[in-house]
Amino acid sequence: DDLSLLDEFTIYKADNTALLNKINELKNMNLSESDYTKDSWK
C-alpha cells in the first residue's frame, strides 16, 4: 500500500580464491623487512 519496508535478507556467495592465491604468492617471494623502509613495510 505504501511500499514501506517490512523485511530484507541477503545471501552472499564469496570466492576467496584470488585473495588466497595472492597471499601465497607474496609469502613465496620471501620478502625481508630489512630490505624496505619502515613505513612501507608496515
PDB file of all heavy atoms in Angstrom:
ATOM      1  N   ASP A   1       0.808  -1.214   0.000  1.00  0.00           N
ATOM      2  CA  ASP A   1       0.000   0.000   0.000  1.00  0.00           C
ATOM      3  C   ASP A   1       0.841   1.263   0.000  1.00  0.00           C
ATOM      4  O   ASP A   1       0.510   2.239  -0.676  1.00  0.00           O
ATOM      5  CB  ASP A   1      -0.986   0.005   1.175  1.00  0.00           C
ATOM      6  CG  ASP A   1      -0.319  -0.312   2.521  1.00  0.00           C
ATOM      7  OD1 ASP A   1       0.939  -0.344   2.604  1.00  0.00           O
ATOM      8  OD2 ASP A   1      -1.064  -0.553   3.509  1.00  0.00           O
ATOM      9  N   ASP A   2       1.954   1.280   0.752  1.00  0.00           N
ATOM     10  CA  ASP A   2       2.792   2.470   0.779  1.00  0.00           C
ATOM     11  C   ASP A   2       4.260   2.176   0.465  1.00  0.00           C
ATOM     12  O   ASP A   2       5.102   3.069   0.527  1.00  0.00           O
ATOM     13  CB  ASP A   2       2.685   3.172   2.135  1.00  0.00           C
ATOM     14  CG  ASP A   2       3.186   2.328   3.303  1.00  0.00           C
ATOM     15  OD1 ASP A   2       3.635   1.168   3.068  1.00  0.00           O
ATOM     16  OD2 ASP A   2       3.127   2.805   4.454  1.00  0.00           O
ATOM     17  N   LEU A   3       4.572   0.909   0.154  1.00  0.00           N
ATOM     18  CA  LEU A   3       5.913   0.462  -0.201  1.00  0.00           C
ATOM     19  C   LEU A   3       6.932   0.725   0.905  1.00  0.00           C
ATOM     20  O   LEU A   3       8.122   0.946   0.637  1.00  0.00           O
ATOM     21  CB  LEU A   3       6.373   1.103  -1.522  1.00  0.00           C
ATOM     22  CG  LEU A   3       5.541   0.738  -2.758  1.00  0.00           C
ATOM     23  CD1 LEU A   3       6.119   1.395  -3.997  1.00  0.00           C
ATOM     24  CD2 LEU A   3       5.473  -0.776  -2.946  1.00  0.00           C
ATOM     25  N   SER A   4       6.481   0.688   2.163  1.00  0.00           N
ATOM     26  CA  SER A   4       7.409   0.732   3.289  1.00  0.00           C
ATOM     27  C   SER A   4       8.003  -0.661   3.486  1.00  0.00           C
ATOM     28  O   SER A   4       7.373  -1.684   3.221  1.00  0.00           O
ATOM     29  CB  SER A   4       6.702   1.199   4.561  1.00  0.00           C
ATOM     30  OG  SER A   4       5.592   0.361   4.879  1.00  0.00           O
ATOM     31  N   LEU A   5       9.245  -0.693   3.982  1.00  0.00           N
ATOM     32  CA  LEU A   5       9.995  -1.942   4.073  1.00  0.00           C
ATOM     33  C   LEU A   5       9.542  -2.772   5.271  1.00  0.00           C
ATOM     34  O   LEU A   5       9.485  -2.291   6.392  1.00  0.00           O
ATOM     35  CB  LEU A   5      11.485  -1.648   4.167  1.00  0.00           C
ATOM     36  CG  LEU A   5      12.432  -2.859   4.149  1.00  0.00           C
ATOM     37  CD1 LEU A   5      12.368  -3.559   2.789  1.00  0.00           C
ATOM     38  CD2 LEU A   5      13.870  -2.433   4.449  1.00  0.00           C
ATOM     39  N   LEU A   6       9.231  -4.019   5.025  1.00  0.00           N
ATOM     40  CA  LEU A   6       8.874  -4.969   6.069  1.00  0.00           C
ATOM     41  C   LEU A   6      10.073  -5.805   6.505  1.00  0.00           C
ATOM     42  O   LEU A   6      10.301  -6.011   7.703  1.00  0.00           O
ATOM     43  CB  LEU A   6       7.741  -5.883   5.581  1.00  0.00           C
ATOM     44  CG  LEU A   6       7.469  -7.167   6.392  1.00  0.00           C
ATOM     45  CD1 LEU A   6       7.051  -6.821   7.816  1.00  0.00           C
ATOM     46  CD2 LEU A   6       6.415  -8.031   5.696  1.00  0.00           C
ATOM     47  N   ASP A   7      10.845  -6.291   5.538  1.00  0.00           N
ATOM     48  CA  ASP A   7      11.928  -7.213   5.848  1.00  0.00           C
ATOM     49  C   ASP A   7      12.907  -7.235   4.694  1.00  0.00           C
ATOM     50  O   ASP A   7      12.539  -6.969   3.535  1.00  0.00           O
ATOM     51  CB  ASP A   7      11.367  -8.624   6.081  1.00  0.00           C
ATOM     52  CG  ASP A   7      12.408  -9.628   6.555  1.00  0.00           C
ATOM     53  OD1 ASP A   7      13.337  -9.214   7.283  1.00  0.00           O
ATOM     54  OD2 ASP A   7      12.289 -10.828   6.198  1.00  0.00           O
ATOM     55  N   GLU A   8      14.156  -7.552   4.994  1.00  0.00           N
ATOM     56  CA  GLU A   8      15.136  -7.759   3.941  1.00  0.00           C
ATOM     57  C   GLU A   8      16.164  -8.785   4.379  1.00  0.00           C
ATOM     58  O   GLU A   8      16.477  -8.918   5.557  1.00  0.00           O
ATOM     59  CB  GLU A   8      15.815  -6.459   3.510  1.00  0.00           C
ATOM     60  CG  GLU A   8      16.745  -5.831   4.439  1.00  0.00           C
ATOM     61  CD  GLU A   8      17.442  -4.608   3.848  1.00  0.00           C
ATOM     62  OE1 GLU A   8      18.245  -4.761   2.912  1.00  0.00           O
ATOM     63  OE2 GLU A   8      17.160  -3.504   4.326  1.00  0.00           O
ATOM     64  N   PHE A   9      16.692  -9.504   3.400  1.00  0.00           N
ATOM     65  CA  PHE A   9      17.670 -10.545   3.663  1.00  0.00           C
ATOM     66  C   PHE A   9      18.506 -10.760   2.413  1.00  0.00           C
ATOM     67  O   PHE A   9      17.982 -10.758   1.304  1.00  0.00           O
ATOM     68  CB  PHE A   9      16.980 -11.856   4.059  1.00  0.00           C
ATOM     69  CG  PHE A   9      17.917 -12.890   4.605  1.00  0.00           C
ATOM     70  CD1 PHE A   9      18.369 -12.801   5.908  1.00  0.00           C
ATOM     71  CD2 PHE A   9      18.348 -13.946   3.820  1.00  0.00           C
ATOM     72  CE1 PHE A   9      19.238 -13.760   6.426  1.00  0.00           C
ATOM     73  CE2 PHE A   9      19.215 -14.897   4.325  1.00  0.00           C
ATOM     74  CZ  PHE A   9      19.663 -14.802   5.637  1.00  0.00           C
ATOM     75  N   THR A  10      19.825 -10.955   2.616  1.00  0.00           N
ATOM     76  CA  THR A  10      20.739 -11.158   1.503  1.00  0.00           C
ATOM     77  C   THR A  10      21.601 -12.390   1.742  1.00  0.00           C
ATOM     78  O   THR A  10      22.152 -12.578   2.823  1.00  0.00           O
ATOM     79  CB  THR A  10      21.657  -9.944   1.287  1.00  0.00           C
ATOM     80  OG1 THR A  10      20.869  -8.782   1.011  1.00  0.00           O
ATOM     81  CG2 THR A  10      22.603 -10.179   0.110  1.00  0.00           C
ATOM     82  N   ILE A  11      21.707 -13.207   0.723  1.00  0.00           N
ATOM     83  CA  ILE A  11      22.640 -14.325   0.713  1.00  0.00           C
ATOM     84  C   ILE A  11      23.812 -13.945  -0.192  1.00  0.00           C
ATOM     85  O   ILE A  11      23.625 -13.584  -1.353  1.00  0.00           O
ATOM     86  CB  ILE A  11      21.981 -15.609   0.180  1.00  0.00           C
ATOM     87  CG1 ILE A  11      20.767 -15.982   1.026  1.00  0.00           C
ATOM     88  CG2 ILE A  11      22.991 -16.764   0.175  1.00  0.00           C
ATOM     89  CD1 ILE A  11      19.945 -17.116   0.445  1.00  0.00           C
ATOM     90  N   TYR A  12      25.012 -14.003   0.358  1.00  0.00           N
ATOM     91  CA  TYR A  12      26.214 -13.712  -0.409  1.00  0.00           C
ATOM     92  C   TYR A  12      26.968 -15.005  -0.723  1.00  0.00           C
ATOM     93  O   TYR A  12      27.061 -15.903   0.122  1.00  0.00           O
ATOM     94  CB  TYR A  12      27.159 -12.779   0.366  1.00  0.00           C
ATOM     95  CG  TYR A  12      26.622 -11.395   0.611  1.00  0.00           C
ATOM     96  CD1 TYR A  12      26.117 -11.034   1.855  1.00  0.00           C
ATOM     97  CD2 TYR A  12      26.628 -10.445  -0.401  1.00  0.00           C
ATOM     98  CE1 TYR A  12      25.631  -9.762   2.086  1.00  0.00           C
ATOM     99  CE2 TYR A  12      26.144  -9.164  -0.179  1.00  0.00           C
ATOM    100  CZ  TYR A  12      25.646  -8.834   1.063  1.00  0.00           C
ATOM    101  OH  TYR A  12      25.160  -7.561   1.294  1.00  0.00           O
ATOM    102  N   LYS A  13      27.469 -15.069  -1.930  1.00  0.00           N
ATOM    103  CA  LYS A  13      28.401 -16.122  -2.306  1.00  0.00           C
ATOM    104  C   LYS A  13      29.733 -15.468  -2.592  1.00  0.00           C
ATOM    105  O   LYS A  13      29.878 -14.710  -3.553  1.00  0.00           O
ATOM    106  CB  LYS A  13      27.899 -16.896  -3.525  1.00  0.00           C
ATOM    107  CG  LYS A  13      26.721 -17.809  -3.252  1.00  0.00           C
ATOM    108  CD  LYS A  13      26.359 -18.616  -4.490  1.00  0.00           C
ATOM    109  CE  LYS A  13      25.203 -19.570  -4.206  1.00  0.00           C
ATOM    110  NZ  LYS A  13      24.842 -20.380  -5.407  1.00  0.00           N
ATOM    111  N   ALA A  14      30.709 -15.727  -1.762  1.00  0.00           N
ATOM    112  CA  ALA A  14      32.006 -15.080  -1.879  1.00  0.00           C
ATOM    113  C   ALA A  14      33.073 -16.090  -2.290  1.00  0.00           C
ATOM    114  O   ALA A  14      33.124 -17.205  -1.758  1.00  0.00           O
ATOM    115  CB  ALA A  14      32.391 -14.412  -0.561  1.00  0.00           C
ATOM    116  N   ASP A  15      33.928 -15.683  -3.215  1.00  0.00           N
ATOM    117  CA  ASP A  15      35.028 -16.517  -3.696  1.00  0.00           C
ATOM    118  C   ASP A  15      36.348 -15.882  -3.238  1.00  0.00           C
ATOM    119  O   ASP A  15      36.721 -14.805  -3.687  1.00  0.00           O
ATOM    120  CB  ASP A  15      34.983 -16.609  -5.222  1.00  0.00           C
ATOM    121  CG  ASP A  15      36.039 -17.550  -5.787  1.00  0.00           C
ATOM    122  OD1 ASP A  15      36.857 -18.088  -5.007  1.00  0.00           O
ATOM    123  OD2 ASP A  15      36.067 -17.732  -7.026  1.00  0.00           O
ATOM    124  N   ASN A  16      37.036 -16.560  -2.328  1.00  0.00           N
ATOM    125  CA  ASN A  16      38.274 -16.013  -1.778  1.00  0.00           C
ATOM    126  C   ASN A  16      39.524 -16.522  -2.492  1.00  0.00           C
ATOM    127  O   ASN A  16      40.651 -16.318  -2.026  1.00  0.00           O
ATOM    128  CB  ASN A  16      38.385 -16.316  -0.279  1.00  0.00           C
ATOM    129  CG  ASN A  16      38.465 -17.800   0.030  1.00  0.00           C
ATOM    130  OD1 ASN A  16      38.670 -18.634  -0.851  1.00  0.00           O
ATOM    131  ND2 ASN A  16      38.280 -18.159   1.297  1.00  0.00           N
ATOM    132  N   THR A  17      39.341 -17.190  -3.634  1.00  0.00           N
ATOM    133  CA  THR A  17      40.472 -17.806  -4.323  1.00  0.00           C
ATOM    134  C   THR A  17      41.549 -16.798  -4.710  1.00  0.00           C
ATOM    135  O   THR A  17      42.745 -17.029  -4.509  1.00  0.00           O
ATOM    136  CB  THR A  17      39.987 -18.553  -5.573  1.00  0.00           C
ATOM    137  OG1 THR A  17      38.998 -19.519  -5.209  1.00  0.00           O
ATOM    138  CG2 THR A  17      41.151 -19.267  -6.262  1.00  0.00           C
ATOM    139  N   ALA A  18      41.136 -15.666  -5.289  1.00  0.00           N
ATOM    140  CA  ALA A  18      42.108 -14.670  -5.744  1.00  0.00           C
ATOM    141  C   ALA A  18      42.922 -14.125  -4.583  1.00  0.00           C
ATOM    142  O   ALA A  18      44.140 -13.955  -4.692  1.00  0.00           O
ATOM    143  CB  ALA A  18      41.396 -13.536  -6.482  1.00  0.00           C
ATOM    144  N   LEU A  19      42.263 -13.849  -3.467  1.00  0.00           N
ATOM    145  CA  LEU A  19      42.971 -13.325  -2.300  1.00  0.00           C
ATOM    146  C   LEU A  19      43.917 -14.372  -1.732  1.00  0.00           C
ATOM    147  O   LEU A  19      45.064 -14.073  -1.378  1.00  0.00           O
ATOM    148  CB  LEU A  19      41.975 -12.869  -1.234  1.00  0.00           C
ATOM    149  CG  LEU A  19      42.569 -12.258   0.032  1.00  0.00           C
ATOM    150  CD1 LEU A  19      43.402 -11.018  -0.298  1.00  0.00           C
ATOM    151  CD2 LEU A  19      41.468 -11.895   1.034  1.00  0.00           C
ATOM    152  N   LEU A  20      43.473 -15.602  -1.639  1.00  0.00           N
ATOM    153  CA  LEU A  20      44.333 -16.674  -1.134  1.00  0.00           C
ATOM    154  C   LEU A  20      45.558 -16.867  -2.016  1.00  0.00           C
ATOM    155  O   LEU A  20      46.682 -17.014  -1.509  1.00  0.00           O
ATOM    156  CB  LEU A  20      43.530 -17.978  -1.058  1.00  0.00           C
ATOM    157  CG  LEU A  20      44.295 -19.221  -0.607  1.00  0.00           C
ATOM    158  CD1 LEU A  20      44.838 -19.047   0.803  1.00  0.00           C
ATOM    159  CD2 LEU A  20      43.397 -20.462  -0.674  1.00  0.00           C
ATOM    160  N   ASN A  21      45.367 -16.842  -3.315  1.00  0.00           N
ATOM    161  CA  ASN A  21      46.496 -17.006  -4.236  1.00  0.00           C
ATOM    162  C   ASN A  21      47.501 -15.868  -4.108  1.00  0.00           C
ATOM    163  O   ASN A  21      48.718 -16.082  -4.171  1.00  0.00           O
ATOM    164  CB  ASN A  21      46.002 -17.098  -5.678  1.00  0.00           C
ATOM    165  CG  ASN A  21      45.278 -18.399  -5.962  1.00  0.00           C
ATOM    166  OD1 ASN A  21      45.417 -19.383  -5.228  1.00  0.00           O
ATOM    167  ND2 ASN A  21      44.491 -18.428  -7.041  1.00  0.00           N
ATOM    168  N   LYS A  22      47.001 -14.642  -3.942  1.00  0.00           N
ATOM    169  CA  LYS A  22      47.891 -13.503  -3.789  1.00  0.00           C
ATOM    170  C   LYS A  22      48.698 -13.596  -2.503  1.00  0.00           C
ATOM    171  O   LYS A  22      49.908 -13.309  -2.485  1.00  0.00           O
ATOM    172  CB  LYS A  22      47.088 -12.199  -3.833  1.00  0.00           C
ATOM    173  CG  LYS A  22      47.906 -10.933  -3.587  1.00  0.00           C
ATOM    174  CD  LYS A  22      49.081 -10.795  -4.543  1.00  0.00           C
ATOM    175  CE  LYS A  22      48.658 -10.679  -5.964  1.00  0.00           C
ATOM    176  NZ  LYS A  22      49.842 -10.469  -6.864  1.00  0.00           N
ATOM    177  N   ILE A  23      48.080 -13.999  -1.407  1.00  0.00           N
ATOM    178  CA  ILE A  23      48.796 -14.176  -0.146  1.00  0.00           C
ATOM    179  C   ILE A  23      49.903 -15.211  -0.299  1.00  0.00           C
ATOM    180  O   ILE A  23      51.044 -14.995   0.115  1.00  0.00           O
ATOM    181  CB  ILE A  23      47.816 -14.580   0.971  1.00  0.00           C
ATOM    182  CG1 ILE A  23      46.888 -13.411   1.321  1.00  0.00           C
ATOM    183  CG2 ILE A  23      48.562 -15.044   2.216  1.00  0.00           C
ATOM    184  CD1 ILE A  23      45.785 -13.780   2.290  1.00  0.00           C
ATOM    185  N   ASN A  24      49.582 -16.338  -0.902  1.00  0.00           N
ATOM    186  CA  ASN A  24      50.579 -17.391  -1.093  1.00  0.00           C
ATOM    187  C   ASN A  24      51.710 -16.935  -2.007  1.00  0.00           C
ATOM    188  O   ASN A  24      52.888 -17.244  -1.778  1.00  0.00           O
ATOM    189  CB  ASN A  24      49.919 -18.638  -1.654  1.00  0.00           C
ATOM    190  CG  ASN A  24      49.005 -19.321  -0.650  1.00  0.00           C
ATOM    191  OD1 ASN A  24      49.190 -19.181   0.561  1.00  0.00           O
ATOM    192  ND2 ASN A  24      48.004 -20.049  -1.135  1.00  0.00           N
ATOM    193  N   GLU A  25      51.377 -16.192  -3.047  1.00  0.00           N
ATOM    194  CA  GLU A  25      52.385 -15.677  -3.968  1.00  0.00           C
ATOM    195  C   GLU A  25      53.378 -14.775  -3.238  1.00  0.00           C
ATOM    196  O   GLU A  25      54.599 -14.896  -3.413  1.00  0.00           O
ATOM    197  CB  GLU A  25      51.699 -14.907  -5.094  1.00  0.00           C
ATOM    198  CG  GLU A  25      52.660 -14.182  -6.041  1.00  0.00           C
ATOM    199  CD  GLU A  25      51.936 -13.236  -6.975  1.00  0.00           C
ATOM    200  OE1 GLU A  25      50.746 -13.475  -7.274  1.00  0.00           O
ATOM    201  OE2 GLU A  25      52.552 -12.231  -7.395  1.00  0.00           O
ATOM    202  N   LEU A  26      52.878 -13.861  -2.440  1.00  0.00           N
ATOM    203  CA  LEU A  26      53.744 -12.923  -1.721  1.00  0.00           C
ATOM    204  C   LEU A  26      54.591 -13.629  -0.675  1.00  0.00           C
ATOM    205  O   LEU A  26      55.767 -13.304  -0.485  1.00  0.00           O
ATOM    206  CB  LEU A  26      52.896 -11.824  -1.081  1.00  0.00           C
ATOM    207  CG  LEU A  26      52.185 -10.882  -2.058  1.00  0.00           C
ATOM    208  CD1 LEU A  26      51.238  -9.959  -1.320  1.00  0.00           C
ATOM    209  CD2 LEU A  26      53.199 -10.065  -2.855  1.00  0.00           C
ATOM    210  N   LYS A  27      54.021 -14.602   0.004  1.00  0.00           N
ATOM    211  CA  LYS A  27      54.785 -15.342   1.003  1.00  0.00           C
ATOM    212  C   LYS A  27      55.906 -16.153   0.353  1.00  0.00           C
ATOM    213  O   LYS A  27      56.999 -16.289   0.915  1.00  0.00           O
ATOM    214  CB  LYS A  27      53.855 -16.258   1.797  1.00  0.00           C
ATOM    215  CG  LYS A  27      52.995 -15.526   2.820  1.00  0.00           C
ATOM    216  CD  LYS A  27      52.234 -16.500   3.694  1.00  0.00           C
ATOM    217  CE  LYS A  27      51.566 -15.807   4.848  1.00  0.00           C
ATOM    218  NZ  LYS A  27      50.845 -16.738   5.748  1.00  0.00           N
ATOM    219  N   ASN A  28      55.654 -16.680  -0.815  1.00  0.00           N
ATOM    220  CA  ASN A  28      56.673 -17.464  -1.515  1.00  0.00           C
ATOM    221  C   ASN A  28      57.822 -16.607  -2.042  1.00  0.00           C
ATOM    222  O   ASN A  28      58.869 -17.131  -2.417  1.00  0.00           O
ATOM    223  CB  ASN A  28      56.038 -18.245  -2.663  1.00  0.00           C
ATOM    224  CG  ASN A  28      55.154 -19.380  -2.173  1.00  0.00           C
ATOM    225  OD1 ASN A  28      55.333 -19.904  -1.077  1.00  0.00           O
ATOM    226  ND2 ASN A  28      54.168 -19.761  -2.987  1.00  0.00           N
ATOM    227  N   MET A  29      57.653 -15.289  -2.067  1.00  0.00           N
ATOM    228  CA  MET A  29      58.709 -14.391  -2.507  1.00  0.00           C
ATOM    229  C   MET A  29      59.754 -14.161  -1.419  1.00  0.00           C
ATOM    230  O   MET A  29      60.821 -13.605  -1.688  1.00  0.00           O
ATOM    231  CB  MET A  29      58.103 -13.051  -2.933  1.00  0.00           C
ATOM    232  CG  MET A  29      57.208 -13.140  -4.161  1.00  0.00           C
ATOM    233  SD  MET A  29      56.343 -11.597  -4.541  1.00  0.00           S
ATOM    234  CE  MET A  29      57.728 -10.552  -4.966  1.00  0.00           C
ATOM    235  N   ASN A  30      59.441 -14.585  -0.188  1.00  0.00           N
ATOM    236  CA  ASN A  30      60.379 -14.461   0.932  1.00  0.00           C
ATOM    237  C   ASN A  30      60.904 -13.030   1.087  1.00  0.00           C
ATOM    238  O   ASN A  30      62.105 -12.787   1.217  1.00  0.00           O
ATOM    239  CB  ASN A  30      61.547 -15.439   0.771  1.00  0.00           C
ATOM    240  CG  ASN A  30      61.111 -16.887   0.845  1.00  0.00           C
ATOM    241  OD1 ASN A  30      60.294 -17.256   1.680  1.00  0.00           O
ATOM    242  ND2 ASN A  30      61.655 -17.717  -0.046  1.00  0.00           N
ATOM    243  N   LEU A  31      60.002 -12.088   1.066  1.00  0.00           N
ATOM    244  CA  LEU A  31      60.388 -10.692   1.264  1.00  0.00           C
ATOM    245  C   LEU A  31      60.931 -10.480   2.664  1.00  0.00           C
ATOM    246  O   LEU A  31      60.450 -11.075   3.632  1.00  0.00           O
ATOM    247  CB  LEU A  31      59.177  -9.781   1.031  1.00  0.00           C
ATOM    248  CG  LEU A  31      58.520  -9.861  -0.358  1.00  0.00           C
ATOM    249  CD1 LEU A  31      57.245  -9.033  -0.385  1.00  0.00           C
ATOM    250  CD2 LEU A  31      59.483  -9.396  -1.431  1.00  0.00           C
ATOM    251  N   SER A  32      61.951  -9.595   2.781  1.00  0.00           N
ATOM    252  CA  SER A  32      62.597  -9.341   4.064  1.00  0.00           C
ATOM    253  C   SER A  32      62.339  -7.913   4.521  1.00  0.00           C
ATOM    254  O   SER A  32      62.525  -6.967   3.750  1.00  0.00           O
ATOM    255  CB  SER A  32      64.104  -9.588   3.965  1.00  0.00           C
ATOM    256  OG  SER A  32      64.748  -9.255   5.172  1.00  0.00           O
ATOM    257  N   GLU A  33      61.907  -7.768   5.753  1.00  0.00           N
ATOM    258  CA  GLU A  33      61.616  -6.454   6.310  1.00  0.00           C
ATOM    259  C   GLU A  33      62.816  -5.518   6.235  1.00  0.00           C
ATOM    260  O   GLU A  33      62.675  -4.317   5.998  1.00  0.00           O
ATOM    261  CB  GLU A  33      61.152  -6.600   7.761  1.00  0.00           C
ATOM    262  CG  GLU A  33      60.825  -5.278   8.450  1.00  0.00           C
ATOM    263  CD  GLU A  33      60.327  -5.455   9.876  1.00  0.00           C
ATOM    264  OE1 GLU A  33      60.216  -6.622  10.314  1.00  0.00           O
ATOM    265  OE2 GLU A  33      60.047  -4.435  10.537  1.00  0.00           O
ATOM    266  N   SER A  34      64.022  -6.063   6.429  1.00  0.00           N
ATOM    267  CA  SER A  34      65.232  -5.234   6.442  1.00  0.00           C
ATOM    268  C   SER A  34      65.537  -4.592   5.094  1.00  0.00           C
ATOM    269  O   SER A  34      66.333  -3.657   5.018  1.00  0.00           O
ATOM    270  CB  SER A  34      66.430  -6.069   6.889  1.00  0.00           C
ATOM    271  OG  SER A  34      66.671  -7.144   5.989  1.00  0.00           O
ATOM    272  N   ASP A  35      64.932  -5.072   4.038  1.00  0.00           N
ATOM    273  CA  ASP A  35      65.183  -4.535   2.708  1.00  0.00           C
ATOM    274  C   ASP A  35      64.355  -3.301   2.383  1.00  0.00           C
ATOM    275  O   ASP A  35      64.582  -2.666   1.347  1.00  0.00           O
ATOM    276  CB  ASP A  35      64.916  -5.598   1.634  1.00  0.00           C
ATOM    277  CG  ASP A  35      65.913  -6.738   1.677  1.00  0.00           C
ATOM    278  OD1 ASP A  35      67.006  -6.559   2.247  1.00  0.00           O
ATOM    279  OD2 ASP A  35      65.588  -7.826   1.137  1.00  0.00           O
ATOM    280  N   TYR A  36      63.393  -2.961   3.239  1.00  0.00           N
ATOM    281  CA  TYR A  36      62.446  -1.915   2.890  1.00  0.00           C
ATOM    282  C   TYR A  36      62.338  -0.880   4.007  1.00  0.00           C
ATOM    283  O   TYR A  36      62.681  -1.141   5.168  1.00  0.00           O
ATOM    284  CB  TYR A  36      61.068  -2.524   2.598  1.00  0.00           C
ATOM    285  CG  TYR A  36      61.098  -3.540   1.478  1.00  0.00           C
ATOM    286  CD1 TYR A  36      61.214  -4.898   1.742  1.00  0.00           C
ATOM    287  CD2 TYR A  36      61.045  -3.126   0.161  1.00  0.00           C
ATOM    288  CE1 TYR A  36      61.275  -5.829   0.718  1.00  0.00           C
ATOM    289  CE2 TYR A  36      61.100  -4.052  -0.882  1.00  0.00           C
ATOM    290  CZ  TYR A  36      61.221  -5.398  -0.592  1.00  0.00           C
ATOM    291  OH  TYR A  36      61.281  -6.307  -1.616  1.00  0.00           O
ATOM    292  N   THR A  37      61.880   0.285   3.647  1.00  0.00           N
ATOM    293  CA  THR A  37      61.694   1.337   4.639  1.00  0.00           C
ATOM    294  C   THR A  37      60.652   0.922   5.650  1.00  0.00           C
ATOM    295  O   THR A  37      59.756   0.125   5.372  1.00  0.00           O
ATOM    296  CB  THR A  37      61.257   2.649   3.969  1.00  0.00           C
ATOM    297  OG1 THR A  37      59.984   2.461   3.316  1.00  0.00           O
ATOM    298  CG2 THR A  37      62.304   3.119   2.954  1.00  0.00           C
ATOM    299  N   LYS A  38      60.774   1.498   6.841  1.00  0.00           N
ATOM    300  CA  LYS A  38      59.911   1.121   7.948  1.00  0.00           C
ATOM    301  C   LYS A  38      58.435   1.344   7.621  1.00  0.00           C
ATOM    302  O   LYS A  38      57.589   0.485   7.856  1.00  0.00           O
ATOM    303  CB  LYS A  38      60.313   1.912   9.196  1.00  0.00           C
ATOM    304  CG  LYS A  38      59.476   1.587  10.418  1.00  0.00           C
ATOM    305  CD  LYS A  38      59.955   2.383  11.621  1.00  0.00           C
ATOM    306  CE  LYS A  38      59.104   2.084  12.855  1.00  0.00           C
ATOM    307  NZ  LYS A  38      59.567   2.877  14.038  1.00  0.00           N
ATOM    308  N   ASP A  39      58.109   2.522   7.084  1.00  0.00           N
ATOM    309  CA  ASP A  39      56.712   2.865   6.833  1.00  0.00           C
ATOM    310  C   ASP A  39      56.099   1.986   5.746  1.00  0.00           C
ATOM    311  O   ASP A  39      54.965   1.510   5.876  1.00  0.00           O
ATOM    312  CB  ASP A  39      56.592   4.336   6.433  1.00  0.00           C
ATOM    313  CG  ASP A  39      56.841   5.276   7.605  1.00  0.00           C
ATOM    314  OD1 ASP A  39      56.806   4.812   8.773  1.00  0.00           O
ATOM    315  OD2 ASP A  39      57.066   6.485   7.358  1.00  0.00           O
ATOM    316  N   SER A  40      56.846   1.768   4.648  1.00  0.00           N
ATOM    317  CA  SER A  40      56.284   0.965   3.563  1.00  0.00           C
ATOM    318  C   SER A  40      56.118  -0.486   3.983  1.00  0.00           C
ATOM    319  O   SER A  40      55.155  -1.141   3.586  1.00  0.00           O
ATOM    320  CB  SER A  40      57.148   1.074   2.305  1.00  0.00           C
ATOM    321  OG  SER A  40      58.413   0.433   2.472  1.00  0.00           O
ATOM    322  N   TRP A  41      57.042  -0.999   4.786  1.00  0.00           N
ATOM    323  CA  TRP A  41      56.913  -2.377   5.240  1.00  0.00           C
ATOM    324  C   TRP A  41      55.725  -2.532   6.198  1.00  0.00           C
ATOM    325  O   TRP A  41      55.007  -3.524   6.125  1.00  0.00           O
ATOM    326  CB  TRP A  41      58.184  -2.849   5.928  1.00  0.00           C
ATOM    327  CG  TRP A  41      58.067  -4.287   6.379  1.00  0.00           C
ATOM    328  CD1 TRP A  41      57.758  -4.734   7.621  1.00  0.00           C
ATOM    329  CD2 TRP A  41      58.198  -5.434   5.542  1.00  0.00           C
ATOM    330  NE1 TRP A  41      57.697  -6.101   7.613  1.00  0.00           N
ATOM    331  CE2 TRP A  41      57.968  -6.560   6.352  1.00  0.00           C
ATOM    332  CE3 TRP A  41      58.506  -5.635   4.195  1.00  0.00           C
ATOM    333  CZ2 TRP A  41      58.036  -7.858   5.856  1.00  0.00           C
ATOM    334  CZ3 TRP A  41      58.565  -6.928   3.699  1.00  0.00           C
ATOM    335  CH2 TRP A  41      58.327  -8.020   4.534  1.00  0.00           C
ATOM    336  N   LYS A  42      55.513  -1.550   7.049  1.00  0.00           N
ATOM    337  CA  LYS A  42      54.376  -1.629   7.972  1.00  0.00           C
ATOM    338  C   LYS A  42      53.052  -1.664   7.213  1.00  0.00           C
ATOM    339  O   LYS A  42      52.156  -2.443   7.539  1.00  0.00           O
ATOM    340  CB  LYS A  42      54.376  -0.451   8.939  1.00  0.00           C
ATOM    341  CG  LYS A  42      53.280  -0.537  10.005  1.00  0.00           C
ATOM    342  CD  LYS A  42      53.336   0.611  10.981  1.00  0.00           C
ATOM    343  CE  LYS A  42      52.315   0.439  12.111  1.00  0.00           C
ATOM    344  NZ  LYS A  42      50.940   0.173  11.638  1.00  0.00           N
TER     345      LYS A  42
END
